[in-house]
């Protein structure tokens, strides 16, 4: 089960490589939340696919929405690029251990929220 959750989060964060800031405000920090459809900051990041956007939007509408949004915001703020100019998923995840852990914990507690 944990491997499935990590795979789902990995797919989501890879889609996140195409994320930037939206206009919605983050009540915790006053900063903008990351949108599911925005492009990332690495030079070769691509715009997320329709499927990735739908997956992201479903996650933001689920029971783990606040954890998921916090993970997205942290990943965007700490996005690391690899030598090919794409998001370095491992380095980005390493920069946000609490946020990624919170998503995994929430998904483990509420598996239907992260499918």
PDB file of N, CA and C in Angstrom:
ATOM      1  N   UNK A   1       0.828  -1.195   0.000  1.00  0.00           N
ATOM      2  CA  UNK A   1       0.000   0.000   0.000  1.00  0.00           C
ATOM      3  C   UNK A   1       0.869   1.254   0.000  1.00  0.00           C
ATOM      4  N   UNK A   2       1.907   1.274   0.843  1.00  0.00           N
ATOM      5  CA  UNK A   2       2.761   2.444   0.923  1.00  0.00           C
ATOM      6  C   UNK A   2       3.442   2.713  -0.415  1.00  0.00           C
ATOM      7  N   UNK A   3       3.825   1.650  -1.143  1.00  0.00           N
ATOM      8  CA  UNK A   3       4.461   1.823  -2.442  1.00  0.00           C
ATOM      9  C   UNK A   3       3.498   2.477  -3.421  1.00  0.00           C
ATOM     10  N   UNK A   4       2.224   2.117  -3.348  1.00  0.00           N
ATOM     11  CA  UNK A   4       1.212   2.708  -4.221  1.00  0.00           C
ATOM     12  C   UNK A   4       1.070   4.193  -3.917  1.00  0.00           C
ATOM     13  N   UNK A   5       1.064   4.534  -2.632  1.00  0.00           N
ATOM     14  CA  UNK A   5       0.946   5.936  -2.244  1.00  0.00           C
ATOM     15  C   UNK A   5       2.146   6.733  -2.734  1.00  0.00           C
ATOM     16  N   UNK A   6       3.335   6.194  -2.545  1.00  0.00           N
ATOM     17  CA  UNK A   6       4.524   6.891  -3.020  1.00  0.00           C
ATOM     18  C   UNK A   6       4.494   7.038  -4.535  1.00  0.00           C
ATOM     19  N   UNK A   7       4.019   6.022  -5.232  1.00  0.00           N
ATOM     20  CA  UNK A   7       3.917   6.105  -6.693  1.00  0.00           C
ATOM     21  C   UNK A   7       2.927   7.198  -7.096  1.00  0.00           C
ATOM     22  N   UNK A   8       1.794   7.258  -6.410  1.00  0.00           N
ATOM     23  CA  UNK A   8       0.793   8.287  -6.715  1.00  0.00           C
ATOM     24  C   UNK A   8       1.345   9.678  -6.438  1.00  0.00           C
ATOM     25  N   UNK A   9       2.042   9.824  -5.339  1.00  0.00           N
ATOM     26  CA  UNK A   9       2.632  11.121  -5.000  1.00  0.00           C
ATOM     27  C   UNK A   9       3.718  11.479  -6.006  1.00  0.00           C
ATOM     28  N   UNK A  10       4.513  10.493  -6.404  1.00  0.00           N
ATOM     29  CA  UNK A  10       5.574  10.742  -7.380  1.00  0.00           C
ATOM     30  C   UNK A  10       4.988  11.222  -8.697  1.00  0.00           C
ATOM     31  N   UNK A  11       3.932  10.556  -9.164  1.00  0.00           N
ATOM     32  CA  UNK A  11       3.284  10.970 -10.408  1.00  0.00           C
ATOM     33  C   UNK A  11       2.751  12.391 -10.269  1.00  0.00           C
ATOM     34  N   UNK A  12       2.150  12.662  -9.131  1.00  0.00           N
ATOM     35  CA  UNK A  12       1.597  13.995  -8.897  1.00  0.00           C
ATOM     36  C   UNK A  12       2.689  15.045  -8.870  1.00  0.00           C
ATOM     37  N   UNK A  13       3.770  14.755  -8.183  1.00  0.00           N
ATOM     38  CA  UNK A  13       4.851  15.737  -8.094  1.00  0.00           C
ATOM     39  C   UNK A  13       5.533  15.905  -9.439  1.00  0.00           C
ATOM     40  N   UNK A  14       5.601  14.862 -10.231  1.00  0.00           N
ATOM     41  CA  UNK A  14       6.164  15.006 -11.564  1.00  0.00           C
ATOM     42  C   UNK A  14       5.278  15.933 -12.386  1.00  0.00           C
ATOM     43  N   UNK A  15       3.981  15.819 -12.206  1.00  0.00           N
ATOM     44  CA  UNK A  15       3.072  16.754 -12.871  1.00  0.00           C
ATOM     45  C   UNK A  15       3.293  18.151 -12.323  1.00  0.00           C
ATOM     46  N   UNK A  16       3.640  18.205 -11.056  1.00  0.00           N
ATOM     47  CA  UNK A  16       3.896  19.472 -10.389  1.00  0.00           C
ATOM     48  C   UNK A  16       5.087  20.195 -10.996  1.00  0.00           C
ATOM     49  N   UNK A  17       5.940  19.461 -11.672  1.00  0.00           N
ATOM     50  CA  UNK A  17       7.080  20.103 -12.327  1.00  0.00           C
ATOM     51  C   UNK A  17       6.604  21.162 -13.309  1.00  0.00           C
ATOM     52  N   UNK A  18       5.355  21.079 -13.677  1.00  0.00           N
ATOM     53  CA  UNK A  18       4.784  22.087 -14.559  1.00  0.00           C
ATOM     54  C   UNK A  18       3.972  23.112 -13.806  1.00  0.00           C
ATOM     55  N   UNK A  19       4.150  23.229 -12.512  1.00  0.00           N
ATOM     56  CA  UNK A  19       3.315  24.129 -11.712  1.00  0.00           C
ATOM     57  C   UNK A  19       4.011  25.438 -11.392  1.00  0.00           C
ATOM     58  N   UNK A  20       3.226  26.462 -11.375  1.00  0.00           N
ATOM     59  CA  UNK A  20       3.679  27.777 -10.941  1.00  0.00           C
ATOM     60  C   UNK A  20       2.717  28.275  -9.895  1.00  0.00           C
ATOM     61  N   UNK A  21       2.598  29.565  -9.720  1.00  0.00           N
ATOM     62  CA  UNK A  21       1.698  30.116  -8.723  1.00  0.00           C
ATOM     63  C   UNK A  21       0.385  30.521  -9.350  1.00  0.00           C
ATOM     64  N   UNK A  22      -0.678  30.271  -8.634  1.00  0.00           N
ATOM     65  CA  UNK A  22      -1.984  30.725  -9.065  1.00  0.00           C
ATOM     66  C   UNK A  22      -2.298  32.017  -8.343  1.00  0.00           C
ATOM     67  N   UNK A  23      -3.489  32.502  -8.512  1.00  0.00           N
ATOM     68  CA  UNK A  23      -3.880  33.735  -7.844  1.00  0.00           C
ATOM     69  C   UNK A  23      -4.579  33.494  -6.525  1.00  0.00           C
ATOM     70  N   UNK A  24      -4.799  32.241  -6.155  1.00  0.00           N
ATOM     71  CA  UNK A  24      -5.487  31.983  -4.894  1.00  0.00           C
ATOM     72  C   UNK A  24      -4.534  32.186  -3.738  1.00  0.00           C
ATOM     73  N   UNK A  25      -5.051  32.700  -2.651  1.00  0.00           N
ATOM     74  CA  UNK A  25      -4.208  33.036  -1.507  1.00  0.00           C
ATOM     75  C   UNK A  25      -4.135  31.876  -0.535  1.00  0.00           C
ATOM     76  N   UNK A  26      -2.966  31.663   0.023  1.00  0.00           N
ATOM     77  CA  UNK A  26      -2.752  30.655   1.046  1.00  0.00           C
ATOM     78  C   UNK A  26      -3.031  31.314   2.389  1.00  0.00           C
ATOM     79  N   UNK A  27      -4.091  30.890   3.095  1.00  0.00           N
ATOM     80  CA  UNK A  27      -4.440  31.547   4.345  1.00  0.00           C
ATOM     81  C   UNK A  27      -3.365  31.433   5.419  1.00  0.00           C
ATOM     82  N   UNK A  28      -2.526  30.407   5.350  1.00  0.00           N
ATOM     83  CA  UNK A  28      -1.493  30.220   6.367  1.00  0.00           C
ATOM     84  C   UNK A  28      -0.331  31.199   6.200  1.00  0.00           C
ATOM     85  N   UNK A  29      -0.009  31.523   4.947  1.00  0.00           N
ATOM     86  CA  UNK A  29       1.174  32.348   4.713  1.00  0.00           C
ATOM     87  C   UNK A  29       0.872  33.649   3.992  1.00  0.00           C
ATOM     88  N   UNK A  30      -0.335  33.756   3.431  1.00  0.00           N
ATOM     89  CA  UNK A  30      -0.679  34.924   2.650  1.00  0.00           C
ATOM     90  C   UNK A  30      -0.092  34.882   1.254  1.00  0.00           C
ATOM     91  N   UNK A  31       0.688  33.852   0.955  1.00  0.00           N
ATOM     92  CA  UNK A  31       1.290  33.728  -0.367  1.00  0.00           C
ATOM     93  C   UNK A  31       0.340  32.983  -1.297  1.00  0.00           C
ATOM     94  N   UNK A  32       0.680  32.957  -2.567  1.00  0.00           N
ATOM     95  CA  UNK A  32      -0.159  32.284  -3.548  1.00  0.00           C
ATOM     96  C   UNK A  32       0.029  30.784  -3.481  1.00  0.00           C
ATOM     97  N   UNK A  33      -1.063  30.073  -3.694  1.00  0.00           N
ATOM     98  CA  UNK A  33      -1.004  28.622  -3.786  1.00  0.00           C
ATOM     99  C   UNK A  33      -0.621  28.226  -5.196  1.00  0.00           C
ATOM    100  N   UNK A  34      -0.012  27.071  -5.316  1.00  0.00           N
ATOM    101  CA  UNK A  34       0.335  26.515  -6.612  1.00  0.00           C
ATOM    102  C   UNK A  34      -0.942  26.020  -7.277  1.00  0.00           C
ATOM    103  N   UNK A  35      -1.045  26.253  -8.561  1.00  0.00           N
ATOM    104  CA  UNK A  35      -2.177  25.799  -9.354  1.00  0.00           C
ATOM    105  C   UNK A  35      -1.808  24.493 -10.058  1.00  0.00           C
ATOM    106  N   UNK A  36      -2.799  23.682 -10.321  1.00  0.00           N
ATOM    107  CA  UNK A  36      -2.565  22.404 -10.997  1.00  0.00           C
ATOM    108  C   UNK A  36      -2.147  22.561 -12.461  1.00  0.00           C
ATOM    109  N   UNK A  37      -2.426  23.696 -13.059  1.00  0.00           N
ATOM    110  CA  UNK A  37      -2.186  23.845 -14.493  1.00  0.00           C
ATOM    111  C   UNK A  37      -1.011  24.750 -14.858  1.00  0.00           C
ATOM    112  N   UNK A  38      -0.335  25.302 -13.883  1.00  0.00           N
ATOM    113  CA  UNK A  38       0.749  26.231 -14.181  1.00  0.00           C
ATOM    114  C   UNK A  38       2.067  25.514 -14.467  1.00  0.00           C
ATOM    115  N   UNK A  39       2.958  26.186 -15.188  1.00  0.00           N
ATOM    116  CA  UNK A  39       4.267  25.652 -15.566  1.00  0.00           C
ATOM    117  C   UNK A  39       5.287  25.928 -14.465  1.00  0.00           C
ATOM    118  N   UNK A  40       6.247  25.048 -14.324  1.00  0.00           N
ATOM    119  CA  UNK A  40       7.275  25.172 -13.298  1.00  0.00           C
ATOM    120  C   UNK A  40       8.389  26.133 -13.655  1.00  0.00           C
ATOM    121  N   UNK A  41       9.389  26.198 -12.771  1.00  0.00           N
ATOM    122  CA  UNK A  41      10.458  27.169 -12.947  1.00  0.00           C
ATOM    123  C   UNK A  41      11.734  26.600 -13.562  1.00  0.00           C
ATOM    124  N   UNK A  42      11.867  25.300 -13.670  1.00  0.00           N
ATOM    125  CA  UNK A  42      13.034  24.733 -14.346  1.00  0.00           C
ATOM    126  C   UNK A  42      12.892  25.008 -15.849  1.00  0.00           C
ATOM    127  N   UNK A  43      13.996  25.248 -16.531  1.00  0.00           N
ATOM    128  CA  UNK A  43      13.911  25.674 -17.939  1.00  0.00           C
ATOM    129  C   UNK A  43      13.216  24.694 -18.873  1.00  0.00           C
ATOM    130  N   UNK A  44      13.274  23.397 -18.589  1.00  0.00           N
ATOM    131  CA  UNK A  44      12.643  22.416 -19.473  1.00  0.00           C
ATOM    132  C   UNK A  44      11.377  21.802 -18.891  1.00  0.00           C
ATOM    133  N   UNK A  45      10.840  22.396 -17.824  1.00  0.00           N
ATOM    134  CA  UNK A  45       9.550  21.939 -17.303  1.00  0.00           C
ATOM    135  C   UNK A  45       8.497  22.157 -18.385  1.00  0.00           C
ATOM    136  N   UNK A  46       7.542  21.260 -18.425  1.00  0.00           N
ATOM    137  CA  UNK A  46       6.478  21.360 -19.423  1.00  0.00           C
ATOM    138  C   UNK A  46       5.151  21.661 -18.740  1.00  0.00           C
ATOM    139  N   UNK A  47       4.199  22.105 -19.511  1.00  0.00           N
ATOM    140  CA  UNK A  47       2.854  22.332 -19.007  1.00  0.00           C
ATOM    141  C   UNK A  47       2.259  20.960 -18.684  1.00  0.00           C
ATOM    142  N   UNK A  48       1.597  20.820 -17.539  1.00  0.00           N
ATOM    143  CA  UNK A  48       1.018  19.520 -17.177  1.00  0.00           C
ATOM    144  C   UNK A  48      -0.018  19.050 -18.199  1.00  0.00           C
ATOM    145  N   UNK A  49      -0.113  17.746 -18.357  1.00  0.00           N
ATOM    146  CA  UNK A  49      -1.111  17.158 -19.252  1.00  0.00           C
ATOM    147  C   UNK A  49      -2.500  17.303 -18.632  1.00  0.00           C
ATOM    148  N   UNK A  50      -3.512  17.130 -19.439  1.00  0.00           N
ATOM    149  CA  UNK A  50      -4.892  17.193 -18.946  1.00  0.00           C
ATOM    150  C   UNK A  50      -5.117  16.143 -17.860  1.00  0.00           C
ATOM    151  N   UNK A  51      -4.554  14.969 -18.046  1.00  0.00           N
ATOM    152  CA  UNK A  51      -4.693  13.897 -17.064  1.00  0.00           C
ATOM    153  C   UNK A  51      -4.034  14.268 -15.735  1.00  0.00           C
ATOM    154  N   UNK A  52      -2.838  14.852 -15.799  1.00  0.00           N
ATOM    155  CA  UNK A  52      -2.143  15.263 -14.576  1.00  0.00           C
ATOM    156  C   UNK A  52      -2.903  16.376 -13.863  1.00  0.00           C
ATOM    157  N   UNK A  53      -3.486  17.290 -14.635  1.00  0.00           N
ATOM    158  CA  UNK A  53      -4.282  18.371 -14.039  1.00  0.00           C
ATOM    159  C   UNK A  53      -5.497  17.804 -13.325  1.00  0.00           C
ATOM    160  N   UNK A  54      -6.176  16.851 -13.950  1.00  0.00           N
ATOM    161  CA  UNK A  54      -7.348  16.226 -13.335  1.00  0.00           C
ATOM    162  C   UNK A  54      -6.968  15.500 -12.054  1.00  0.00           C
ATOM    163  N   UNK A  55      -5.869  14.757 -12.075  1.00  0.00           N
ATOM    164  CA  UNK A  55      -5.404  14.051 -10.884  1.00  0.00           C
ATOM    165  C   UNK A  55      -5.107  15.038  -9.763  1.00  0.00           C
ATOM    166  N   UNK A  56      -4.432  16.112 -10.101  1.00  0.00           N
ATOM    167  CA  UNK A  56      -4.091  17.146  -9.136  1.00  0.00           C
ATOM    168  C   UNK A  56      -5.354  17.783  -8.558  1.00  0.00           C
ATOM    169  N   UNK A  57      -6.293  18.151  -9.423  1.00  0.00           N
ATOM    170  CA  UNK A  57      -7.535  18.772  -8.959  1.00  0.00           C
ATOM    171  C   UNK A  57      -8.332  17.835  -8.063  1.00  0.00           C
ATOM    172  N   UNK A  58      -8.342  16.556  -8.401  1.00  0.00           N
ATOM    173  CA  UNK A  58      -9.035  15.579  -7.554  1.00  0.00           C
ATOM    174  C   UNK A  58      -8.380  15.497  -6.182  1.00  0.00           C
ATOM    175  N   UNK A  59      -7.063  15.554  -6.148  1.00  0.00           N
ATOM    176  CA  UNK A  59      -6.348  15.519  -4.867  1.00  0.00           C
ATOM    177  C   UNK A  59      -6.659  16.762  -4.042  1.00  0.00           C
ATOM    178  N   UNK A  60      -6.771  17.903  -4.701  1.00  0.00           N
ATOM    179  CA  UNK A  60      -7.071  19.148  -3.997  1.00  0.00           C
ATOM    180  C   UNK A  60      -8.526  19.234  -3.544  1.00  0.00           C
ATOM    181  N   UNK A  61      -9.356  18.330  -4.055  1.00  0.00           N
ATOM    182  CA  UNK A  61     -10.761  18.291  -3.641  1.00  0.00           C
ATOM    183  C   UNK A  61     -11.010  17.185  -2.609  1.00  0.00           C
ATOM    184  N   UNK A  62      -9.977  16.417  -2.292  1.00  0.00           N
ATOM    185  CA  UNK A  62     -10.125  15.270  -1.402  1.00  0.00           C
ATOM    186  C   UNK A  62      -9.883  15.589   0.057  1.00  0.00           C
ATOM    187  N   UNK A  63      -9.937  14.552   0.861  1.00  0.00           N
ATOM    188  CA  UNK A  63      -9.789  14.686   2.317  1.00  0.00           C
ATOM    189  C   UNK A  63      -8.388  15.131   2.732  1.00  0.00           C
ATOM    190  N   UNK A  64      -7.413  14.965   1.872  1.00  0.00           N
ATOM    191  CA  UNK A  64      -6.033  15.366   2.185  1.00  0.00           C
ATOM    192  C   UNK A  64      -5.647  16.646   1.448  1.00  0.00           C
ATOM    193  N   UNK A  65      -6.625  17.445   1.111  1.00  0.00           N
ATOM    194  CA  UNK A  65      -6.398  18.642   0.295  1.00  0.00           C
ATOM    195  C   UNK A  65      -5.396  19.605   0.921  1.00  0.00           C
ATOM    196  N   UNK A  66      -5.523  19.882   2.204  1.00  0.00           N
ATOM    197  CA  UNK A  66      -4.612  20.866   2.813  1.00  0.00           C
ATOM    198  C   UNK A  66      -3.177  20.345   2.831  1.00  0.00           C
ATOM    199  N   UNK A  67      -3.009  19.051   3.100  1.00  0.00           N
ATOM    200  CA  UNK A  67      -1.672  18.451   3.082  1.00  0.00           C
ATOM    201  C   UNK A  67      -1.096  18.464   1.667  1.00  0.00           C
ATOM    202  N   UNK A  68      -1.955  18.154   0.701  1.00  0.00           N
ATOM    203  CA  UNK A  68      -1.538  18.119  -0.690  1.00  0.00           C
ATOM    204  C   UNK A  68      -1.132  19.518  -1.165  1.00  0.00           C
ATOM    205  N   UNK A  69      -1.941  20.532  -0.815  1.00  0.00           N
ATOM    206  CA  UNK A  69      -1.613  21.902  -1.219  1.00  0.00           C
ATOM    207  C   UNK A  69      -0.307  22.356  -0.575  1.00  0.00           C
ATOM    208  N   UNK A  70      -0.113  22.007   0.702  1.00  0.00           N
ATOM    209  CA  UNK A  70       1.138  22.376   1.383  1.00  0.00           C
ATOM    210  C   UNK A  70       2.335  21.724   0.699  1.00  0.00           C
ATOM    211  N   UNK A  71       2.182  20.462   0.279  1.00  0.00           N
ATOM    212  CA  UNK A  71       3.258  19.772  -0.426  1.00  0.00           C
ATOM    213  C   UNK A  71       3.547  20.466  -1.756  1.00  0.00           C
ATOM    214  N   UNK A  72       2.496  20.815  -2.497  1.00  0.00           N
ATOM    215  CA  UNK A  72       2.679  21.497  -3.772  1.00  0.00           C
ATOM    216  C   UNK A  72       3.368  22.847  -3.585  1.00  0.00           C
ATOM    217  N   UNK A  73       2.929  23.600  -2.584  1.00  0.00           N
ATOM    218  CA  UNK A  73       3.522  24.921  -2.335  1.00  0.00           C
ATOM    219  C   UNK A  73       4.997  24.798  -1.964  1.00  0.00           C
ATOM    220  N   UNK A  74       5.315  23.825  -1.113  1.00  0.00           N
ATOM    221  CA  UNK A  74       6.702  23.623  -0.713  1.00  0.00           C
ATOM    222  C   UNK A  74       7.542  23.187  -1.913  1.00  0.00           C
ATOM    223  N   UNK A  75       7.023  22.258  -2.692  1.00  0.00           N
ATOM    224  CA  UNK A  75       7.770  21.774  -3.853  1.00  0.00           C
ATOM    225  C   UNK A  75       8.035  22.911  -4.833  1.00  0.00           C
ATOM    226  N   UNK A  76       7.054  23.770  -5.030  1.00  0.00           N
ATOM    227  CA  UNK A  76       7.254  24.901  -5.941  1.00  0.00           C
ATOM    228  C   UNK A  76       8.291  25.864  -5.375  1.00  0.00           C
ATOM    229  N   UNK A  77       8.198  26.152  -4.098  1.00  0.00           N
ATOM    230  CA  UNK A  77       9.132  27.094  -3.464  1.00  0.00           C
ATOM    231  C   UNK A  77      10.550  26.555  -3.423  1.00  0.00           C
ATOM    232  N   UNK A  78      10.679  25.231  -3.419  1.00  0.00           N
ATOM    233  CA  UNK A  78      11.995  24.590  -3.280  1.00  0.00           C
ATOM    234  C   UNK A  78      12.357  23.748  -4.493  1.00  0.00           C
ATOM    235  N   UNK A  79      11.748  24.032  -5.633  1.00  0.00           N
ATOM    236  CA  UNK A  79      11.993  23.223  -6.824  1.00  0.00           C
ATOM    237  C   UNK A  79      13.473  23.203  -7.173  1.00  0.00           C
ATOM    238  N   UNK A  80      13.993  22.015  -7.343  1.00  0.00           N
ATOM    239  CA  UNK A  80      15.392  21.802  -7.749  1.00  0.00           C
ATOM    240  C   UNK A  80      15.383  21.287  -9.179  1.00  0.00           C
ATOM    241  N   UNK A  81      16.301  21.767  -9.978  1.00  0.00           N
ATOM    242  CA  UNK A  81      16.399  21.347 -11.368  1.00  0.00           C
ATOM    243  C   UNK A  81      17.567  20.385 -11.539  1.00  0.00           C
ATOM    244  N   UNK A  82      17.384  19.397 -12.403  1.00  0.00           N
ATOM    245  CA  UNK A  82      18.487  18.478 -12.695  1.00  0.00           C
ATOM    246  C   UNK A  82      19.323  19.025 -13.848  1.00  0.00           C
ATOM    247  N   UNK A  83      20.349  18.298 -14.231  1.00  0.00           N
ATOM    248  CA  UNK A  83      21.276  18.778 -15.262  1.00  0.00           C
ATOM    249  C   UNK A  83      20.620  18.919 -16.629  1.00  0.00           C
ATOM    250  N   UNK A  84      19.480  18.260 -16.828  1.00  0.00           N
ATOM    251  CA  UNK A  84      18.789  18.387 -18.110  1.00  0.00           C
ATOM    252  C   UNK A  84      17.744  19.504 -18.097  1.00  0.00           C
ATOM    253  N   UNK A  85      17.635  20.219 -16.975  1.00  0.00           N
ATOM    254  CA  UNK A  85      16.718  21.349 -16.908  1.00  0.00           C
ATOM    255  C   UNK A  85      15.299  20.998 -16.520  1.00  0.00           C
ATOM    256  N   UNK A  86      15.111  19.794 -15.992  1.00  0.00           N
ATOM    257  CA  UNK A  86      13.802  19.364 -15.517  1.00  0.00           C
ATOM    258  C   UNK A  86      13.813  19.298 -13.994  1.00  0.00           C
ATOM    259  N   UNK A  87      12.622  19.222 -13.396  1.00  0.00           N
ATOM    260  CA  UNK A  87      12.552  19.093 -11.941  1.00  0.00           C
ATOM    261  C   UNK A  87      13.302  17.849 -11.491  1.00  0.00           C
ATOM    262  N   UNK A  88      14.144  18.014 -10.487  1.00  0.00           N
ATOM    263  CA  UNK A  88      14.825  16.893  -9.836  1.00  0.00           C
ATOM    264  C   UNK A  88      13.913  16.463  -8.700  1.00  0.00           C
ATOM    265  N   UNK A  89      13.135  15.415  -8.947  1.00  0.00           N
ATOM    266  CA  UNK A  89      12.116  14.979  -7.996  1.00  0.00           C
ATOM    267  C   UNK A  89      12.713  14.622  -6.642  1.00  0.00           C
ATOM    268  N   UNK A  90      13.796  13.862  -6.632  1.00  0.00           N
ATOM    269  CA  UNK A  90      14.384  13.434  -5.359  1.00  0.00           C
ATOM    270  C   UNK A  90      14.885  14.628  -4.553  1.00  0.00           C
ATOM    271  N   UNK A  91      15.557  15.573  -5.211  1.00  0.00           N
ATOM    272  CA  UNK A  91      16.065  16.749  -4.509  1.00  0.00           C
ATOM    273  C   UNK A  91      14.935  17.646  -4.022  1.00  0.00           C
ATOM    274  N   UNK A  92      13.892  17.771  -4.821  1.00  0.00           N
ATOM    275  CA  UNK A  92      12.742  18.590  -4.426  1.00  0.00           C
ATOM    276  C   UNK A  92      12.035  17.944  -3.246  1.00  0.00           C
ATOM    277  N   UNK A  93      11.846  16.637  -3.307  1.00  0.00           N
ATOM    278  CA  UNK A  93      11.206  15.924  -2.200  1.00  0.00           C
ATOM    279  C   UNK A  93      12.048  16.044  -0.929  1.00  0.00           C
ATOM    280  N   UNK A  94      13.361  15.962  -1.058  1.00  0.00           N
ATOM    281  CA  UNK A  94      14.258  16.069   0.098  1.00  0.00           C
ATOM    282  C   UNK A  94      14.177  17.448   0.752  1.00  0.00           C
ATOM    283  N   UNK A  95      13.789  18.460  -0.028  1.00  0.00           N
ATOM    284  CA  UNK A  95      13.668  19.816   0.510  1.00  0.00           C
ATOM    285  C   UNK A  95      12.355  20.016   1.277  1.00  0.00           C
ATOM    286  N   UNK A  96      11.432  19.079   1.134  1.00  0.00           N
ATOM    287  CA  UNK A  96      10.097  19.199   1.755  1.00  0.00           C
ATOM    288  C   UNK A  96       9.697  17.918   2.488  1.00  0.00           C
ATOM    289  N   UNK A  97      10.552  17.396   3.367  1.00  0.00           N
ATOM    290  CA  UNK A  97      10.242  16.097   3.976  1.00  0.00           C
ATOM    291  C   UNK A  97       8.963  16.090   4.806  1.00  0.00           C
ATOM    292  N   UNK A  98       8.690  17.144   5.527  1.00  0.00           N
ATOM    293  CA  UNK A  98       7.492  17.199   6.372  1.00  0.00           C
ATOM    294  C   UNK A  98       6.235  17.195   5.516  1.00  0.00           C
ATOM    295  N   UNK A  99       6.227  18.008   4.472  1.00  0.00           N
ATOM    296  CA  UNK A  99       5.046  18.108   3.616  1.00  0.00           C
ATOM    297  C   UNK A  99       4.763  16.791   2.895  1.00  0.00           C
ATOM    298  N   UNK A 100       5.814  16.155   2.378  1.00  0.00           N
ATOM    299  CA  UNK A 100       5.615  14.868   1.711  1.00  0.00           C
ATOM    300  C   UNK A 100       5.150  13.816   2.715  1.00  0.00           C
ATOM    301  N   UNK A 101       5.746  13.811   3.893  1.00  0.00           N
ATOM    302  CA  UNK A 101       5.359  12.858   4.938  1.00  0.00           C
ATOM    303  C   UNK A 101       3.907  13.060   5.359  1.00  0.00           C
ATOM    304  N   UNK A 102       3.477  14.308   5.456  1.00  0.00           N
ATOM    305  CA  UNK A 102       2.092  14.584   5.845  1.00  0.00           C
ATOM    306  C   UNK A 102       1.099  14.061   4.819  1.00  0.00           C
ATOM    307  N   UNK A 103       1.442  14.170   3.540  1.00  0.00           N
ATOM    308  CA  UNK A 103       0.562  13.632   2.496  1.00  0.00           C
ATOM    309  C   UNK A 103       0.490  12.117   2.621  1.00  0.00           C
ATOM    310  N   UNK A 104       1.632  11.483   2.787  1.00  0.00           N
ATOM    311  CA  UNK A 104       1.653  10.020   2.919  1.00  0.00           C
ATOM    312  C   UNK A 104       0.842   9.591   4.146  1.00  0.00           C
ATOM    313  N   UNK A 105       1.036  10.271   5.275  1.00  0.00           N
ATOM    314  CA  UNK A 105       0.290   9.927   6.498  1.00  0.00           C
ATOM    315  C   UNK A 105      -1.202  10.092   6.298  1.00  0.00           C
ATOM    316  N   UNK A 106      -1.602  11.190   5.671  1.00  0.00           N
ATOM    317  CA  UNK A 106      -3.024  11.420   5.426  1.00  0.00           C
ATOM    318  C   UNK A 106      -3.593  10.350   4.504  1.00  0.00           C
ATOM    319  N   UNK A 107      -2.859  10.031   3.454  1.00  0.00           N
ATOM    320  CA  UNK A 107      -3.325   9.009   2.515  1.00  0.00           C
ATOM    321  C   UNK A 107      -3.403   7.631   3.167  1.00  0.00           C
ATOM    322  N   UNK A 108      -2.478   7.349   4.056  1.00  0.00           N
ATOM    323  CA  UNK A 108      -2.520   6.062   4.774  1.00  0.00           C
ATOM    324  C   UNK A 108      -3.745   6.008   5.685  1.00  0.00           C
ATOM    325  N   UNK A 109      -4.083   7.149   6.302  1.00  0.00           N
ATOM    326  CA  UNK A 109      -5.232   7.206   7.203  1.00  0.00           C
ATOM    327  C   UNK A 109      -6.554   7.236   6.425  1.00  0.00           C
ATOM    328  N   UNK A 110      -6.528   7.798   5.231  1.00  0.00           N
ATOM    329  CA  UNK A 110      -7.739   7.932   4.411  1.00  0.00           C
ATOM    330  C   UNK A 110      -7.418   7.520   2.978  1.00  0.00           C
ATOM    331  N   UNK A 111      -7.264   6.219   2.721  1.00  0.00           N
ATOM    332  CA  UNK A 111      -6.828   5.752   1.410  1.00  0.00           C
ATOM    333  C   UNK A 111      -7.699   6.224   0.242  1.00  0.00           C
ATOM    334  N   UNK A 112      -8.999   6.385   0.459  1.00  0.00           N
ATOM    335  CA  UNK A 112      -9.869   6.822  -0.639  1.00  0.00           C
ATOM    336  C   UNK A 112      -9.598   8.259  -1.064  1.00  0.00           C
ATOM    337  N   UNK A 113      -8.898   9.019  -0.226  1.00  0.00           N
ATOM    338  CA  UNK A 113      -8.593  10.413  -0.554  1.00  0.00           C
ATOM    339  C   UNK A 113      -7.455  10.524  -1.555  1.00  0.00           C
ATOM    340  N   UNK A 114      -6.730   9.459  -1.783  1.00  0.00           N
ATOM    341  CA  UNK A 114      -5.505   9.533  -2.590  1.00  0.00           C
ATOM    342  C   UNK A 114      -5.475   8.476  -3.679  1.00  0.00           C
ATOM    343  N   UNK A 115      -6.571   8.253  -4.312  1.00  0.00           N
ATOM    344  CA  UNK A 115      -6.603   7.246  -5.375  1.00  0.00           C
ATOM    345  C   UNK A 115      -6.610   7.852  -6.730  1.00  0.00           C
TER     346      UNK A 115
END
